C-alpha atoms as a PDB file:
ATOM      1  CA  MET A   1     -65.093 -20.671  81.423  1.00  0.00           C
ATOM      2  CA  THR A   2     -62.635 -20.217  84.289  1.00  0.00           C
ATOM      3  CA  SER A   3     -65.117 -18.654  86.551  1.00  0.00           C
ATOM      4  CA  GLU A   4     -67.059 -22.009  87.161  1.00  0.00           C
ATOM      5  CA  LEU A   5     -63.706 -23.473  88.461  1.00  0.00           C
ATOM      6  CA  SER A   6     -63.365 -23.552  92.261  1.00  0.00           C
ATOM      7  CA  HIS A   7     -60.055 -23.117  94.107  1.00  0.00           C
ATOM      8  CA  LYS A   8     -60.241 -26.906  94.806  1.00  0.00           C
ATOM      9  CA  ASP A   9     -60.715 -27.567  91.071  1.00  0.00           C
ATOM     10  CA  TRP A  10     -57.610 -25.469  90.310  1.00  0.00           C
ATOM     11  CA  ILE A  11     -55.527 -27.083  92.914  1.00  0.00           C
ATOM     12  CA  GLY A  12     -56.565 -30.535  91.378  1.00  0.00           C
ATOM     13  CA  LYS A  13     -55.583 -29.413  87.782  1.00  0.00           C
ATOM     14  CA  ALA A  14     -52.106 -28.127  89.205  1.00  0.00           C
ATOM     15  CA  SER A  15     -51.274 -31.264  90.728  1.00  0.00           C
ATOM     16  CA  ALA A  16     -51.870 -33.071  87.509  1.00  0.00           C
ATOM     17  CA  ILE A  17     -49.574 -31.011  85.437  1.00  0.00           C
ATOM     18  CA  ARG A  18     -46.234 -32.607  84.210  1.00  0.00           C
ATOM     19  CA  PHE A  19     -43.703 -29.783  83.468  1.00  0.00           C
ATOM     20  CA  ARG A  20     -41.408 -30.180  80.515  1.00  0.00           C
ATOM     21  CA  ASP A  21     -37.943 -29.699  81.593  1.00  0.00           C
ATOM     22  CA  LYS A  22     -35.841 -29.849  78.355  1.00  0.00           C
ATOM     23  CA  ALA A  23     -34.898 -27.417  75.709  1.00  0.00           C
ATOM     24  CA  PHE A  24     -36.535 -27.650  72.344  1.00  0.00           C
ATOM     25  CA  ILE A  25     -33.922 -27.547  69.743  1.00  0.00           C
ATOM     26  CA  ASP A  26     -34.047 -28.674  66.126  1.00  0.00           C
ATOM     27  CA  GLY A  27     -37.449 -30.269  66.708  1.00  0.00           C
ATOM     28  CA  LYS A  28     -36.389 -32.355  69.628  1.00  0.00           C
ATOM     29  CA  ALA A  29     -36.646 -32.115  73.522  1.00  0.00           C
ATOM     30  CA  VAL A  30     -33.124 -32.184  74.620  1.00  0.00           C
ATOM     31  CA  PRO A  31     -31.254 -31.664  77.995  1.00  0.00           C
ATOM     32  CA  ALA A  32     -28.609 -28.790  78.216  1.00  0.00           C
ATOM     33  CA  ARG A  33     -25.330 -29.941  76.582  1.00  0.00           C
ATOM     34  CA  SER A  34     -23.618 -29.253  80.009  1.00  0.00           C
ATOM     35  CA  GLY A  35     -26.119 -31.327  81.833  1.00  0.00           C
ATOM     36  CA  ARG A  36     -26.963 -28.259  84.116  1.00  0.00           C
ATOM     37  CA  THR A  37     -30.362 -27.380  85.149  1.00  0.00           C
ATOM     38  CA  PHE A  38     -32.020 -24.841  87.294  1.00  0.00           C
ATOM     39  CA  ALA A  39     -34.939 -24.843  89.559  1.00  0.00           C
ATOM     40  CA  SER A  40     -38.185 -23.316  88.336  1.00  0.00           C
ATOM     41  CA  ILE A  41     -39.876 -22.197  91.458  1.00  0.00           C
ATOM     42  CA  ASN A  42     -43.542 -21.370  92.172  1.00  0.00           C
ATOM     43  CA  PRO A  43     -43.140 -17.826  93.638  1.00  0.00           C
ATOM     44  CA  ALA A  44     -46.376 -18.291  95.657  1.00  0.00           C
ATOM     45  CA  THR A  45     -45.239 -21.357  97.539  1.00  0.00           C
ATOM     46  CA  GLY A  46     -41.605 -21.750  97.087  1.00  0.00           C
ATOM     47  CA  GLU A  47     -42.099 -25.342  95.543  1.00  0.00           C
ATOM     48  CA  THR A  48     -39.845 -26.441  92.947  1.00  0.00           C
ATOM     49  CA  LEU A  49     -42.025 -27.120  89.845  1.00  0.00           C
ATOM     50  CA  ALA A  50     -39.182 -28.792  87.757  1.00  0.00           C
ATOM     51  CA  GLU A  51     -35.548 -28.846  87.274  1.00  0.00           C
ATOM     52  CA  VAL A  52     -35.266 -27.324  83.871  1.00  0.00           C
ATOM     53  CA  ALA A  53     -32.430 -27.431  81.253  1.00  0.00           C
ATOM     54  CA  SER A  54     -29.949 -24.620  81.826  1.00  0.00           C
ATOM     55  CA  CYS A  55     -28.839 -23.818  78.378  1.00  0.00           C
ATOM     56  CA  GLY A  56     -25.564 -22.123  77.641  1.00  0.00           C
ATOM     57  CA  GLU A  57     -23.674 -20.777  74.641  1.00  0.00           C
ATOM     58  CA  GLU A  58     -23.324 -24.189  72.978  1.00  0.00           C
ATOM     59  CA  ASP A  59     -27.105 -24.949  73.175  1.00  0.00           C
ATOM     60  CA  ILE A  60     -27.806 -21.309  71.686  1.00  0.00           C
ATOM     61  CA  ASP A  61     -25.427 -22.026  68.917  1.00  0.00           C
ATOM     62  CA  LEU A  62     -27.101 -25.158  68.008  1.00  0.00           C
ATOM     63  CA  ALA A  63     -30.633 -23.607  68.165  1.00  0.00           C
ATOM     64  CA  VAL A  64     -29.497 -20.735  66.132  1.00  0.00           C
ATOM     65  CA  ALA A  65     -27.893 -23.081  63.467  1.00  0.00           C
ATOM     66  CA  ALA A  66     -31.162 -25.134  63.366  1.00  0.00           C
ATOM     67  CA  ALA A  67     -33.283 -22.121  63.081  1.00  0.00           C
ATOM     68  CA  ARG A  68     -30.958 -20.831  59.985  1.00  0.00           C
ATOM     69  CA  ARG A  69     -31.168 -24.403  58.404  1.00  0.00           C
ATOM     70  CA  SER A  70     -34.966 -24.276  58.741  1.00  0.00           C
ATOM     71  CA  PHE A  71     -35.185 -20.673  57.357  1.00  0.00           C
ATOM     72  CA  GLU A  72     -32.938 -21.751  54.440  1.00  0.00           C
ATOM     73  CA  ALA A  73     -35.111 -24.941  53.817  1.00  0.00           C
ATOM     74  CA  GLY A  74     -37.972 -22.545  53.284  1.00  0.00           C
ATOM     75  CA  VAL A  75     -40.656 -24.417  55.035  1.00  0.00           C
ATOM     76  CA  TRP A  76     -41.963 -21.294  56.648  1.00  0.00           C
ATOM     77  CA  SER A  77     -39.788 -18.451  54.959  1.00  0.00           C
ATOM     78  CA  ARG A  78     -41.021 -19.405  51.477  1.00  0.00           C
ATOM     79  CA  THR A  79     -44.468 -20.478  52.308  1.00  0.00           C
ATOM     80  CA  SER A  80     -47.355 -18.602  50.867  1.00  0.00           C
ATOM     81  CA  PRO A  81     -49.107 -15.850  52.881  1.00  0.00           C
ATOM     82  CA  GLN A  82     -52.333 -17.888  52.779  1.00  0.00           C
ATOM     83  CA  HIS A  83     -50.647 -20.889  54.412  1.00  0.00           C
ATOM     84  CA  ARG A  84     -49.169 -18.697  57.089  1.00  0.00           C
ATOM     85  CA  LYS A  85     -52.464 -17.201  57.814  1.00  0.00           C
ATOM     86  CA  GLN A  86     -53.896 -20.518  58.371  1.00  0.00           C
ATOM     87  CA  VAL A  87     -51.160 -21.709  60.600  1.00  0.00           C
ATOM     88  CA  LEU A  88     -51.310 -18.561  62.692  1.00  0.00           C
ATOM     89  CA  LEU A  89     -55.043 -18.811  63.016  1.00  0.00           C
ATOM     90  CA  ARG A  90     -54.701 -22.441  64.079  1.00  0.00           C
ATOM     91  CA  LEU A  91     -52.104 -21.319  66.865  1.00  0.00           C
ATOM     92  CA  ALA A  92     -54.586 -18.701  68.040  1.00  0.00           C
ATOM     93  CA  GLU A  93     -57.381 -21.413  68.138  1.00  0.00           C
ATOM     94  CA  LEU A  94     -55.050 -23.842  70.191  1.00  0.00           C
ATOM     95  CA  LEU A  95     -54.244 -21.168  72.641  1.00  0.00           C
ATOM     96  CA  ARG A  96     -57.965 -20.573  73.235  1.00  0.00           C
ATOM     97  CA  GLU A  97     -58.693 -24.339  73.277  1.00  0.00           C
ATOM     98  CA  ASN A  98     -56.004 -24.922  75.874  1.00  0.00           C
ATOM     99  CA  LEU A  99     -56.765 -21.624  77.914  1.00  0.00           C
ATOM    100  CA  GLN A 100     -57.161 -23.174  81.359  1.00  0.00           C
ATOM    101  CA  GLU A 101     -53.888 -25.279  81.160  1.00  0.00           C
ATOM    102  CA  LEU A 102     -51.941 -22.229  79.936  1.00  0.00           C
ATOM    103  CA  ALA A 103     -53.215 -19.950  82.363  1.00  0.00           C
ATOM    104  CA  LEU A 104     -52.571 -22.531  85.162  1.00  0.00           C
ATOM    105  CA  LEU A 105     -48.930 -22.877  83.927  1.00  0.00           C
ATOM    106  CA  GLU A 106     -48.430 -19.109  83.825  1.00  0.00           C
ATOM    107  CA  SER A 107     -49.810 -18.886  87.397  1.00  0.00           C
ATOM    108  CA  LEU A 108     -47.731 -21.520  88.788  1.00  0.00           C
ATOM    109  CA  ASP A 109     -44.587 -20.258  87.003  1.00  0.00           C
ATOM    110  CA  MET A 110     -44.888 -16.536  87.534  1.00  0.00           C
ATOM    111  CA  GLY A 111     -47.097 -16.321  90.686  1.00  0.00           C
ATOM    112  CA  LYS A 112     -49.824 -14.328  88.762  1.00  0.00           C
ATOM    113  CA  LEU A 113     -53.502 -14.788  89.554  1.00  0.00           C
ATOM    114  CA  VAL A 114     -54.904 -17.544  87.381  1.00  0.00           C
ATOM    115  CA  LYS A 115     -57.792 -15.384  86.788  1.00  0.00           C
ATOM    116  CA  ASP A 116     -55.597 -12.734  85.186  1.00  0.00           C
ATOM    117  CA  ALA A 117     -53.805 -15.208  83.101  1.00  0.00           C
ATOM    118  CA  ALA A 118     -56.933 -16.700  81.986  1.00  0.00           C
ATOM    119  CA  THR A 119     -58.776 -13.342  81.074  1.00  0.00           C
ATOM    120  CA  ILE A 120     -55.894 -11.280  80.002  1.00  0.00           C
ATOM    121  CA  ASP A 121     -52.545 -13.122  79.073  1.00  0.00           C
ATOM    122  CA  VAL A 122     -53.742 -16.268  77.252  1.00  0.00           C
ATOM    123  CA  PRO A 123     -56.625 -14.519  75.266  1.00  0.00           C
ATOM    124  CA  GLY A 124     -54.286 -11.558  74.603  1.00  0.00           C
ATOM    125  CA  SER A 125     -51.640 -13.799  73.113  1.00  0.00           C
ATOM    126  CA  ALA A 126     -54.270 -15.574  70.859  1.00  0.00           C
ATOM    127  CA  ALA A 127     -55.708 -12.196  69.762  1.00  0.00           C
ATOM    128  CA  ILE A 128     -52.154 -10.910  68.807  1.00  0.00           C
ATOM    129  CA  PHE A 129     -51.591 -14.163  66.566  1.00  0.00           C
ATOM    130  CA  GLN A 130     -54.980 -14.002  65.129  1.00  0.00           C
ATOM    131  CA  TRP A 131     -54.601 -10.203  64.306  1.00  0.00           C
ATOM    132  CA  TYR A 132     -51.069 -10.900  62.616  1.00  0.00           C
ATOM    133  CA  ALA A 133     -52.602 -13.850  60.673  1.00  0.00           C
ATOM    134  CA  GLU A 134     -55.443 -11.486  59.486  1.00  0.00           C
ATOM    135  CA  ALA A 135     -52.958  -8.854  58.457  1.00  0.00           C
ATOM    136  CA  ILE A 136     -50.732 -11.183  56.365  1.00  0.00           C
ATOM    137  CA  ASP A 137     -52.969 -10.768  53.236  1.00  0.00           C
ATOM    138  CA  LYS A 138     -53.839  -7.230  53.660  1.00  0.00           C
ATOM    139  CA  VAL A 139     -52.691  -4.299  51.736  1.00  0.00           C
ATOM    140  CA  TYR A 140     -49.739  -2.436  53.472  1.00  0.00           C
ATOM    141  CA  ASP A 141     -49.737   1.201  54.624  1.00  0.00           C
ATOM    142  CA  GLU A 142     -53.255   1.256  55.109  1.00  0.00           C
ATOM    143  CA  VAL A 143     -55.233   1.447  58.483  1.00  0.00           C
ATOM    144  CA  ALA A 144     -56.213  -1.988  59.669  1.00  0.00           C
ATOM    145  CA  PRO A 145     -59.565  -2.920  61.311  1.00  0.00           C
ATOM    146  CA  THR A 146     -59.386  -2.921  65.018  1.00  0.00           C
ATOM    147  CA  GLY A 147     -61.542  -2.617  68.019  1.00  0.00           C
ATOM    148  CA  HIS A 148     -63.038   0.429  69.390  1.00  0.00           C
ATOM    149  CA  GLY A 149     -60.447   2.940  70.573  1.00  0.00           C
ATOM    150  CA  ASP A 150     -57.548   1.280  68.786  1.00  0.00           C
ATOM    151  CA  LEU A 151     -55.827   2.257  65.796  1.00  0.00           C
ATOM    152  CA  ALA A 152     -53.305   0.033  63.785  1.00  0.00           C
ATOM    153  CA  LEU A 153     -51.286   0.757  60.599  1.00  0.00           C
ATOM    154  CA  VAL A 154     -50.047  -2.328  58.691  1.00  0.00           C
ATOM    155  CA  ARG A 155     -46.558  -1.675  57.599  1.00  0.00           C
ATOM    156  CA  ARG A 156     -43.722  -3.838  56.421  1.00  0.00           C
ATOM    157  CA  GLU A 157     -40.331  -3.106  58.066  1.00  0.00           C
ATOM    158  CA  PRO A 158     -37.282  -5.102  58.390  1.00  0.00           C
ATOM    159  CA  LEU A 159     -36.626  -6.748  61.653  1.00  0.00           C
ATOM    160  CA  GLY A 160     -33.628  -9.055  61.375  1.00  0.00           C
ATOM    161  CA  VAL A 161     -33.814 -12.860  61.856  1.00  0.00           C
ATOM    162  CA  VAL A 162     -31.021 -13.432  64.161  1.00  0.00           C
ATOM    163  CA  GLY A 163     -32.082 -10.601  66.505  1.00  0.00           C
ATOM    164  CA  ALA A 164     -35.541 -12.143  66.638  1.00  0.00           C
ATOM    165  CA  SER A 165     -34.436 -15.638  67.187  1.00  0.00           C
ATOM    166  CA  CYS A 166     -31.834 -14.907  69.872  1.00  0.00           C
ATOM    167  CA  ARG A 167     -34.263 -12.982  71.959  1.00  0.00           C
ATOM    168  CA  GLY A 168     -36.913 -15.582  71.622  1.00  0.00           C
ATOM    169  CA  ILE A 169     -34.503 -18.161  72.951  1.00  0.00           C
ATOM    170  CA  SER A 170     -34.300 -16.247  76.250  1.00  0.00           C
ATOM    171  CA  ARG A 171     -36.513 -16.849  79.251  1.00  0.00           C
ATOM    172  CA  SER A 172     -38.425 -13.685  79.788  1.00  0.00           C
ATOM    173  CA  THR A 173     -40.118 -12.717  83.051  1.00  0.00           C
ATOM    174  CA  TRP A 174     -43.593 -12.567  81.507  1.00  0.00           C
ATOM    175  CA  ARG A 175     -43.599 -15.176  78.845  1.00  0.00           C
ATOM    176  CA  PRO A 176     -46.809 -14.978  77.138  1.00  0.00           C
ATOM    177  CA  GLY A 177     -46.786 -11.227  76.986  1.00  0.00           C
ATOM    178  CA  ASN A 178     -43.151 -10.766  76.225  1.00  0.00           C
ATOM    179  CA  ALA A 179     -42.708 -13.671  73.877  1.00  0.00           C
ATOM    180  CA  ARG A 180     -45.749 -12.681  71.703  1.00  0.00           C
ATOM    181  CA  ARG A 181     -44.231  -9.228  71.246  1.00  0.00           C
ATOM    182  CA  ARG A 182     -40.962 -10.773  70.083  1.00  0.00           C
ATOM    183  CA  TRP A 183     -42.377 -13.485  67.848  1.00  0.00           C
ATOM    184  CA  ARG A 184     -45.027 -11.631  66.112  1.00  0.00           C
ATOM    185  CA  PRO A 185     -42.709  -9.611  63.574  1.00  0.00           C
ATOM    186  CA  ALA A 186     -40.449 -12.710  63.288  1.00  0.00           C
ATOM    187  CA  ILE A 187     -43.207 -15.106  62.563  1.00  0.00           C
ATOM    188  CA  ARG A 188     -44.903 -12.776  59.977  1.00  0.00           C
ATOM    189  CA  TRP A 189     -41.601 -11.661  58.055  1.00  0.00           C
ATOM    190  CA  CYS A 190     -39.042 -14.459  58.407  1.00  0.00           C
END
């Protein structure tokens, strides 16, 4: 899929991207309460990709309060395992459908080779969400089906919603990899 694109094709796709520059809090894209921003810079070129909302303590408090309201409302926290499974499977499918755009965004933001983002990061993120979707309705404390050379034990352990939510808010240095590791327990058990 990505191998048939030339360097010129990737450059063309990159020039068409419009970066989101706001925080996503309580279902809305909003600027930081302080109005401050920071430059998201392409490390390969030094070019500023976007001036992004620089959220502070007040923004984090609003995000955590919105997350708590959502949790208490039960839209996700009290939904059936079958519904969660379908939502996570759809998320994995959307990651795969948008592989080129996501890989390009990762490459521009992190300076990573687009080939690596397209063959490792995005497919890996999709696979993690799919694995957890498939594990939702399985019996716990049993060995789960995996690929050759892998072993996985499905086991329910408490994580703590606030810690998962707060860590998910921060900007990590390798978002798809770090984010999927932070979200997977929270998505499954919250």
